[in-house]
Amino acid sequence: MPDYAVFASHDFNPNDYAHAVLAGEPYPSQSASRPKAKPSAVEPAKEDISVAITKLNSGIDDVHKQLKNVVSLFPH
């Protein structure tokens, strides 16, 4: 089972996470403590964009199933 601790952090930023995944960079990025500078040029991702989207979609599906199971435990 994947580690979801990063999503439980108070410092978690979904936009930064998505950008890191799409750029093929680790999250949280190593430059998180420094002020963000605009990139001068677009760098290619280290992995294919379809692979990154598939991983992200798989994670979303897993979280969806977990939430559905939790909600179904508490019927109205």
PDB file of N, CA and C in Angstrom:
ATOM      1  N   MET A   1       0.841  -1.182   0.000  1.00  0.00           N
ATOM      2  CA  MET A   1       0.000   0.000   0.000  1.00  0.00           C
ATOM      3  C   MET A   1       0.886   1.245   0.000  1.00  0.00           C
ATOM      4  N   PRO A   2       0.607   2.181  -0.885  1.00  0.00           N
ATOM      5  CA  PRO A   2       1.442   3.383  -0.967  1.00  0.00           C
ATOM      6  C   PRO A   2       1.363   4.220   0.316  1.00  0.00           C
ATOM      7  N   ASP A   3       2.380   5.012   0.517  1.00  0.00           N
ATOM      8  CA  ASP A   3       2.440   5.870   1.698  1.00  0.00           C
ATOM      9  C   ASP A   3       1.713   7.174   1.406  1.00  0.00           C
ATOM     10  N   TYR A   4       0.657   7.463   2.169  1.00  0.00           N
ATOM     11  CA  TYR A   4      -0.134   8.669   1.961  1.00  0.00           C
ATOM     12  C   TYR A   4       0.156   9.740   3.009  1.00  0.00           C
ATOM     13  N   ALA A   5       1.246   9.591   3.750  1.00  0.00           N
ATOM     14  CA  ALA A   5       1.571  10.555   4.803  1.00  0.00           C
ATOM     15  C   ALA A   5       1.748  11.964   4.248  1.00  0.00           C
ATOM     16  N   VAL A   6       2.252  12.075   3.037  1.00  0.00           N
ATOM     17  CA  VAL A   6       2.465  13.401   2.450  1.00  0.00           C
ATOM     18  C   VAL A   6       1.151  14.159   2.319  1.00  0.00           C
ATOM     19  N   PHE A   7       0.049  13.445   2.072  1.00  0.00           N
ATOM     20  CA  PHE A   7      -1.246  14.091   1.901  1.00  0.00           C
ATOM     21  C   PHE A   7      -1.844  14.535   3.239  1.00  0.00           C
ATOM     22  N   ALA A   8      -1.390  13.942   4.330  1.00  0.00           N
ATOM     23  CA  ALA A   8      -1.907  14.287   5.651  1.00  0.00           C
ATOM     24  C   ALA A   8      -1.147  15.453   6.284  1.00  0.00           C
ATOM     25  N   SER A   9      -0.068  15.857   5.671  1.00  0.00           N
ATOM     26  CA  SER A   9       0.741  16.955   6.206  1.00  0.00           C
ATOM     27  C   SER A   9      -0.020  18.274   6.127  1.00  0.00           C
ATOM     28  N   HIS A  10       0.168  19.108   7.146  1.00  0.00           N
ATOM     29  CA  HIS A  10      -0.465  20.431   7.150  1.00  0.00           C
ATOM     30  C   HIS A  10       0.116  21.323   6.054  1.00  0.00           C
ATOM     31  N   ASP A  11       1.323  21.016   5.606  1.00  0.00           N
ATOM     32  CA  ASP A  11       1.990  21.813   4.577  1.00  0.00           C
ATOM     33  C   ASP A  11       1.683  21.314   3.160  1.00  0.00           C
ATOM     34  N   PHE A  12       0.842  20.276   3.036  1.00  0.00           N
ATOM     35  CA  PHE A  12       0.549  19.714   1.716  1.00  0.00           C
ATOM     36  C   PHE A  12      -0.170  20.732   0.843  1.00  0.00           C
ATOM     37  N   ASN A  13       0.340  20.905  -0.372  1.00  0.00           N
ATOM     38  CA  ASN A  13      -0.263  21.813  -1.344  1.00  0.00           C
ATOM     39  C   ASN A  13      -0.566  20.984  -2.595  1.00  0.00           C
ATOM     40  N   PRO A  14      -1.851  20.759  -2.900  1.00  0.00           N
ATOM     41  CA  PRO A  14      -2.172  19.899  -4.041  1.00  0.00           C
ATOM     42  C   PRO A  14      -1.654  20.431  -5.373  1.00  0.00           C
ATOM     43  N   ASN A  15      -1.612  21.742  -5.520  1.00  0.00           N
ATOM     44  CA  ASN A  15      -1.100  22.308  -6.772  1.00  0.00           C
ATOM     45  C   ASN A  15       0.385  22.033  -6.923  1.00  0.00           C
ATOM     46  N   ASP A  16       1.150  22.235  -5.845  1.00  0.00           N
ATOM     47  CA  ASP A  16       2.585  21.949  -5.897  1.00  0.00           C
ATOM     48  C   ASP A  16       2.831  20.463  -6.149  1.00  0.00           C
ATOM     49  N   TYR A  17       1.997  19.610  -5.540  1.00  0.00           N
ATOM     50  CA  TYR A  17       2.146  18.170  -5.730  1.00  0.00           C
ATOM     51  C   TYR A  17       1.917  17.800  -7.193  1.00  0.00           C
ATOM     52  N   ALA A  18       0.836  18.329  -7.775  1.00  0.00           N
ATOM     53  CA  ALA A  18       0.535  18.040  -9.179  1.00  0.00           C
ATOM     54  C   ALA A  18       1.655  18.527 -10.093  1.00  0.00           C
ATOM     55  N   HIS A  19       2.168  19.716  -9.812  1.00  0.00           N
ATOM     56  CA  HIS A  19       3.263  20.246 -10.630  1.00  0.00           C
ATOM     57  C   HIS A  19       4.507  19.371 -10.510  1.00  0.00           C
ATOM     58  N   ALA A  20       4.802  18.906  -9.297  1.00  0.00           N
ATOM     59  CA  ALA A  20       5.972  18.055  -9.087  1.00  0.00           C
ATOM     60  C   ALA A  20       5.817  16.736  -9.832  1.00  0.00           C
ATOM     61  N   VAL A  21       4.624  16.146  -9.777  1.00  0.00           N
ATOM     62  CA  VAL A  21       4.380  14.881 -10.479  1.00  0.00           C
ATOM     63  C   VAL A  21       4.526  15.069 -11.979  1.00  0.00           C
ATOM     64  N   LEU A  22       3.923  16.124 -12.500  1.00  0.00           N
ATOM     65  CA  LEU A  22       3.981  16.355 -13.942  1.00  0.00           C
ATOM     66  C   LEU A  22       5.385  16.707 -14.421  1.00  0.00           C
ATOM     67  N   ALA A  23       6.188  17.317 -13.547  1.00  0.00           N
ATOM     68  CA  ALA A  23       7.556  17.668 -13.909  1.00  0.00           C
ATOM     69  C   ALA A  23       8.532  16.525 -13.645  1.00  0.00           C
ATOM     70  N   GLY A  24       8.034  15.439 -13.028  1.00  0.00           N
ATOM     71  CA  GLY A  24       8.905  14.314 -12.717  1.00  0.00           C
ATOM     72  C   GLY A  24       9.859  14.601 -11.581  1.00  0.00           C
ATOM     73  N   GLU A  25       9.478  15.513 -10.694  1.00  0.00           N
ATOM     74  CA  GLU A  25      10.310  15.895  -9.560  1.00  0.00           C
ATOM     75  C   GLU A  25       9.750  15.298  -8.273  1.00  0.00           C
ATOM     76  N   PRO A  26      10.595  15.136  -7.252  1.00  0.00           N
ATOM     77  CA  PRO A  26      10.090  14.627  -5.975  1.00  0.00           C
ATOM     78  C   PRO A  26       9.266  15.686  -5.263  1.00  0.00           C
ATOM     79  N   TYR A  27       8.301  15.251  -4.473  1.00  0.00           N
ATOM     80  CA  TYR A  27       7.511  16.171  -3.645  1.00  0.00           C
ATOM     81  C   TYR A  27       7.721  15.782  -2.207  1.00  0.00           C
ATOM     82  N   PRO A  28       7.961  16.673  -1.285  1.00  0.00           N
ATOM     83  CA  PRO A  28       8.151  18.102  -1.513  1.00  0.00           C
ATOM     84  C   PRO A  28       9.485  18.344  -2.190  1.00  0.00           C
ATOM     85  N   SER A  29       9.483  19.338  -3.042  1.00  0.00           N
ATOM     86  CA  SER A  29      10.700  19.611  -3.807  1.00  0.00           C
ATOM     87  C   SER A  29      11.821  20.075  -2.891  1.00  0.00           C
ATOM     88  N   GLN A  30      13.034  19.883  -3.330  1.00  0.00           N
ATOM     89  CA  GLN A  30      14.195  20.263  -2.544  1.00  0.00           C
ATOM     90  C   GLN A  30      14.280  21.773  -2.372  1.00  0.00           C
ATOM     91  N   SER A  31      13.621  22.518  -3.261  1.00  0.00           N
ATOM     92  CA  SER A  31      13.673  23.972  -3.202  1.00  0.00           C
ATOM     93  C   SER A  31      12.484  24.553  -2.440  1.00  0.00           C
ATOM     94  N   ALA A  32      11.777  23.720  -1.673  1.00  0.00           N
ATOM     95  CA  ALA A  32      10.585  24.188  -0.966  1.00  0.00           C
ATOM     96  C   ALA A  32      10.926  25.243   0.076  1.00  0.00           C
ATOM     97  N   SER A  33      12.130  25.200   0.616  1.00  0.00           N
ATOM     98  CA  SER A  33      12.502  26.173   1.641  1.00  0.00           C
ATOM     99  C   SER A  33      12.946  27.501   1.041  1.00  0.00           C
ATOM    100  N   ARG A  34      13.262  27.492  -0.250  1.00  0.00           N
ATOM    101  CA  ARG A  34      13.682  28.723  -0.918  1.00  0.00           C
ATOM    102  C   ARG A  34      12.491  29.376  -1.597  1.00  0.00           C
ATOM    103  N   PRO A  35      12.536  30.678  -1.809  1.00  0.00           N
ATOM    104  CA  PRO A  35      11.460  31.326  -2.557  1.00  0.00           C
ATOM    105  C   PRO A  35      11.410  30.783  -3.982  1.00  0.00           C
ATOM    106  N   LYS A  36      10.213  30.675  -4.517  1.00  0.00           N
ATOM    107  CA  LYS A  36      10.057  30.127  -5.856  1.00  0.00           C
ATOM    108  C   LYS A  36      10.395  31.173  -6.910  1.00  0.00           C
ATOM    109  N   ALA A  37      11.164  30.744  -7.871  1.00  0.00           N
ATOM    110  CA  ALA A  37      11.514  31.623  -8.988  1.00  0.00           C
ATOM    111  C   ALA A  37      10.864  31.059 -10.241  1.00  0.00           C
ATOM    112  N   LYS A  38      10.498  31.930 -11.144  1.00  0.00           N
ATOM    113  CA  LYS A  38       9.897  31.465 -12.391  1.00  0.00           C
ATOM    114  C   LYS A  38      10.968  30.791 -13.233  1.00  0.00           C
ATOM    115  N   PRO A  39      10.641  29.632 -13.796  1.00  0.00           N
ATOM    116  CA  PRO A  39      11.627  28.966 -14.644  1.00  0.00           C
ATOM    117  C   PRO A  39      11.856  29.767 -15.916  1.00  0.00           C
ATOM    118  N   SER A  40      13.105  29.795 -16.352  1.00  0.00           N
ATOM    119  CA  SER A  40      13.441  30.553 -17.552  1.00  0.00           C
ATOM    120  C   SER A  40      13.093  29.779 -18.820  1.00  0.00           C
ATOM    121  N   ALA A  41      13.089  28.457 -18.731  1.00  0.00           N
ATOM    122  CA  ALA A  41      12.751  27.639 -19.887  1.00  0.00           C
ATOM    123  C   ALA A  41      12.001  26.410 -19.407  1.00  0.00           C
ATOM    124  N   VAL A  42      11.172  25.874 -20.259  1.00  0.00           N
ATOM    125  CA  VAL A  42      10.416  24.682 -19.911  1.00  0.00           C
ATOM    126  C   VAL A  42      11.334  23.478 -20.070  1.00  0.00           C
ATOM    127  N   GLU A  43      11.451  22.703 -18.986  1.00  0.00           N
ATOM    128  CA  GLU A  43      12.275  21.510 -19.028  1.00  0.00           C
ATOM    129  C   GLU A  43      11.382  20.299 -19.247  1.00  0.00           C
ATOM    130  N   PRO A  44      11.839  19.324 -20.019  1.00  0.00           N
ATOM    131  CA  PRO A  44      11.017  18.132 -20.245  1.00  0.00           C
ATOM    132  C   PRO A  44      10.899  17.298 -18.975  1.00  0.00           C
ATOM    133  N   ALA A  45       9.782  16.635 -18.826  1.00  0.00           N
ATOM    134  CA  ALA A  45       9.558  15.769 -17.673  1.00  0.00           C
ATOM    135  C   ALA A  45      10.502  14.572 -17.753  1.00  0.00           C
ATOM    136  N   LYS A  46      10.846  14.014 -16.599  1.00  0.00           N
ATOM    137  CA  LYS A  46      11.749  12.868 -16.571  1.00  0.00           C
ATOM    138  C   LYS A  46      11.030  11.580 -16.927  1.00  0.00           C
ATOM    139  N   GLU A  47       9.704  11.608 -16.855  1.00  0.00           N
ATOM    140  CA  GLU A  47       8.941  10.444 -17.274  1.00  0.00           C
ATOM    141  C   GLU A  47       7.827  10.898 -18.210  1.00  0.00           C
ATOM    142  N   ASP A  48       7.307   9.993 -18.970  1.00  0.00           N
ATOM    143  CA  ASP A  48       6.257  10.319 -19.915  1.00  0.00           C
ATOM    144  C   ASP A  48       5.035  10.867 -19.179  1.00  0.00           C
ATOM    145  N   ILE A  49       4.409  11.883 -19.745  1.00  0.00           N
ATOM    146  CA  ILE A  49       3.263  12.533 -19.106  1.00  0.00           C
ATOM    147  C   ILE A  49       2.130  11.541 -18.892  1.00  0.00           C
ATOM    148  N   SER A  50       1.940  10.618 -19.810  1.00  0.00           N
ATOM    149  CA  SER A  50       0.859   9.644 -19.650  1.00  0.00           C
ATOM    150  C   SER A  50       1.107   8.733 -18.449  1.00  0.00           C
ATOM    151  N   VAL A  51       2.367   8.416 -18.174  1.00  0.00           N
ATOM    152  CA  VAL A  51       2.695   7.590 -17.010  1.00  0.00           C
ATOM    153  C   VAL A  51       2.389   8.365 -15.726  1.00  0.00           C
ATOM    154  N   ALA A  52       2.747   9.631 -15.687  1.00  0.00           N
ATOM    155  CA  ALA A  52       2.483  10.449 -14.507  1.00  0.00           C
ATOM    156  C   ALA A  52       0.984  10.602 -14.270  1.00  0.00           C
ATOM    157  N   ILE A  53       0.230  10.830 -15.334  1.00  0.00           N
ATOM    158  CA  ILE A  53      -1.224  10.967 -15.200  1.00  0.00           C
ATOM    159  C   ILE A  53      -1.841   9.648 -14.760  1.00  0.00           C
ATOM    160  N   THR A  54      -1.348   8.535 -15.276  1.00  0.00           N
ATOM    161  CA  THR A  54      -1.858   7.232 -14.875  1.00  0.00           C
ATOM    162  C   THR A  54      -1.613   6.979 -13.392  1.00  0.00           C
ATOM    163  N   LYS A  55      -0.407   7.327 -12.912  1.00  0.00           N
ATOM    164  CA  LYS A  55      -0.102   7.165 -11.483  1.00  0.00           C
ATOM    165  C   LYS A  55      -1.010   8.043 -10.633  1.00  0.00           C
ATOM    166  N   LEU A  56      -1.193   9.278 -11.047  1.00  0.00           N
ATOM    167  CA  LEU A  56      -2.042  10.201 -10.309  1.00  0.00           C
ATOM    168  C   LEU A  56      -3.489   9.711 -10.315  1.00  0.00           C
ATOM    169  N   ASN A  57      -3.971   9.245 -11.449  1.00  0.00           N
ATOM    170  CA  ASN A  57      -5.335   8.729 -11.557  1.00  0.00           C
ATOM    171  C   ASN A  57      -5.528   7.497 -10.683  1.00  0.00           C
ATOM    172  N   SER A  58      -4.535   6.635 -10.654  1.00  0.00           N
ATOM    173  CA  SER A  58      -4.605   5.435  -9.816  1.00  0.00           C
ATOM    174  C   SER A  58      -4.703   5.813  -8.342  1.00  0.00           C
ATOM    175  N   GLY A  59      -3.919   6.790  -7.924  1.00  0.00           N
ATOM    176  CA  GLY A  59      -3.981   7.265  -6.546  1.00  0.00           C
ATOM    177  C   GLY A  59      -5.330   7.869  -6.212  1.00  0.00           C
ATOM    178  N   ILE A  60      -5.885   8.627  -7.148  1.00  0.00           N
ATOM    179  CA  ILE A  60      -7.205   9.241  -6.944  1.00  0.00           C
ATOM    180  C   ILE A  60      -8.272   8.155  -6.833  1.00  0.00           C
ATOM    181  N   ASP A  61      -8.203   7.140  -7.682  1.00  0.00           N
ATOM    182  CA  ASP A  61      -9.167   6.041  -7.616  1.00  0.00           C
ATOM    183  C   ASP A  61      -9.083   5.315  -6.281  1.00  0.00           C
ATOM    184  N   ASP A  62      -7.865   5.103  -5.790  1.00  0.00           N
ATOM    185  CA  ASP A  62      -7.681   4.424  -4.512  1.00  0.00           C
ATOM    186  C   ASP A  62      -8.275   5.243  -3.367  1.00  0.00           C
ATOM    187  N   VAL A  63      -8.020   6.538  -3.359  1.00  0.00           N
ATOM    188  CA  VAL A  63      -8.572   7.405  -2.323  1.00  0.00           C
ATOM    189  C   VAL A  63     -10.098   7.440  -2.427  1.00  0.00           C
ATOM    190  N   HIS A  64     -10.627   7.465  -3.633  1.00  0.00           N
ATOM    191  CA  HIS A  64     -12.083   7.452  -3.846  1.00  0.00           C
ATOM    192  C   HIS A  64     -12.701   6.196  -3.229  1.00  0.00           C
ATOM    193  N   LYS A  65     -12.088   5.036  -3.462  1.00  0.00           N
ATOM    194  CA  LYS A  65     -12.595   3.788  -2.903  1.00  0.00           C
ATOM    195  C   LYS A  65     -12.549   3.808  -1.379  1.00  0.00           C
ATOM    196  N   GLN A  66     -11.451   4.331  -0.824  1.00  0.00           N
ATOM    197  CA  GLN A  66     -11.333   4.407   0.631  1.00  0.00           C
ATOM    198  C   GLN A  66     -12.401   5.321   1.219  1.00  0.00           C
ATOM    199  N   LEU A  67     -12.624   6.478   0.605  1.00  0.00           N
ATOM    200  CA  LEU A  67     -13.657   7.400   1.091  1.00  0.00           C
ATOM    201  C   LEU A  67     -15.045   6.777   0.977  1.00  0.00           C
ATOM    202  N   LYS A  68     -15.295   6.080  -0.107  1.00  0.00           N
ATOM    203  CA  LYS A  68     -16.592   5.436  -0.304  1.00  0.00           C
ATOM    204  C   LYS A  68     -16.830   4.388   0.787  1.00  0.00           C
ATOM    205  N   ASN A  69     -15.786   3.648   1.141  1.00  0.00           N
ATOM    206  CA  ASN A  69     -15.904   2.649   2.201  1.00  0.00           C
ATOM    207  C   ASN A  69     -16.170   3.293   3.550  1.00  0.00           C
ATOM    208  N   VAL A  70     -15.522   4.398   3.839  1.00  0.00           N
ATOM    209  CA  VAL A  70     -15.721   5.102   5.117  1.00  0.00           C
ATOM    210  C   VAL A  70     -17.134   5.665   5.182  1.00  0.00           C
ATOM    211  N   VAL A  71     -17.590   6.278   4.091  1.00  0.00           N
ATOM    212  CA  VAL A  71     -18.932   6.861   4.071  1.00  0.00           C
ATOM    213  C   VAL A  71     -19.999   5.787   4.196  1.00  0.00           C
ATOM    214  N   SER A  72     -19.776   4.631   3.577  1.00  0.00           N
ATOM    215  CA  SER A  72     -20.772   3.559   3.637  1.00  0.00           C
ATOM    216  C   SER A  72     -20.870   2.950   5.036  1.00  0.00           C
ATOM    217  N   LEU A  73     -19.876   3.162   5.874  1.00  0.00           N
ATOM    218  CA  LEU A  73     -19.917   2.679   7.253  1.00  0.00           C
ATOM    219  C   LEU A  73     -20.904   3.481   8.099  1.00  0.00           C
ATOM    220  N   PHE A  74     -21.193   4.696   7.682  1.00  0.00           N
ATOM    221  CA  PHE A  74     -22.057   5.583   8.444  1.00  0.00           C
ATOM    222  C   PHE A  74     -23.282   5.985   7.605  1.00  0.00           C
ATOM    223  N   PRO A  75     -24.269   5.063   7.472  1.00  0.00           N
ATOM    224  CA  PRO A  75     -25.463   5.402   6.686  1.00  0.00           C
ATOM    225  C   PRO A  75     -26.285   6.484   7.386  1.00  0.00           C
ATOM    226  N   HIS A  76     -27.046   7.226   6.628  1.00  0.00           N
ATOM    227  CA  HIS A  76     -27.838   8.309   7.217  1.00  0.00           C
ATOM    228  C   HIS A  76     -28.965   7.738   8.012  1.00  0.00           C
TER     229      HIS A  76
END
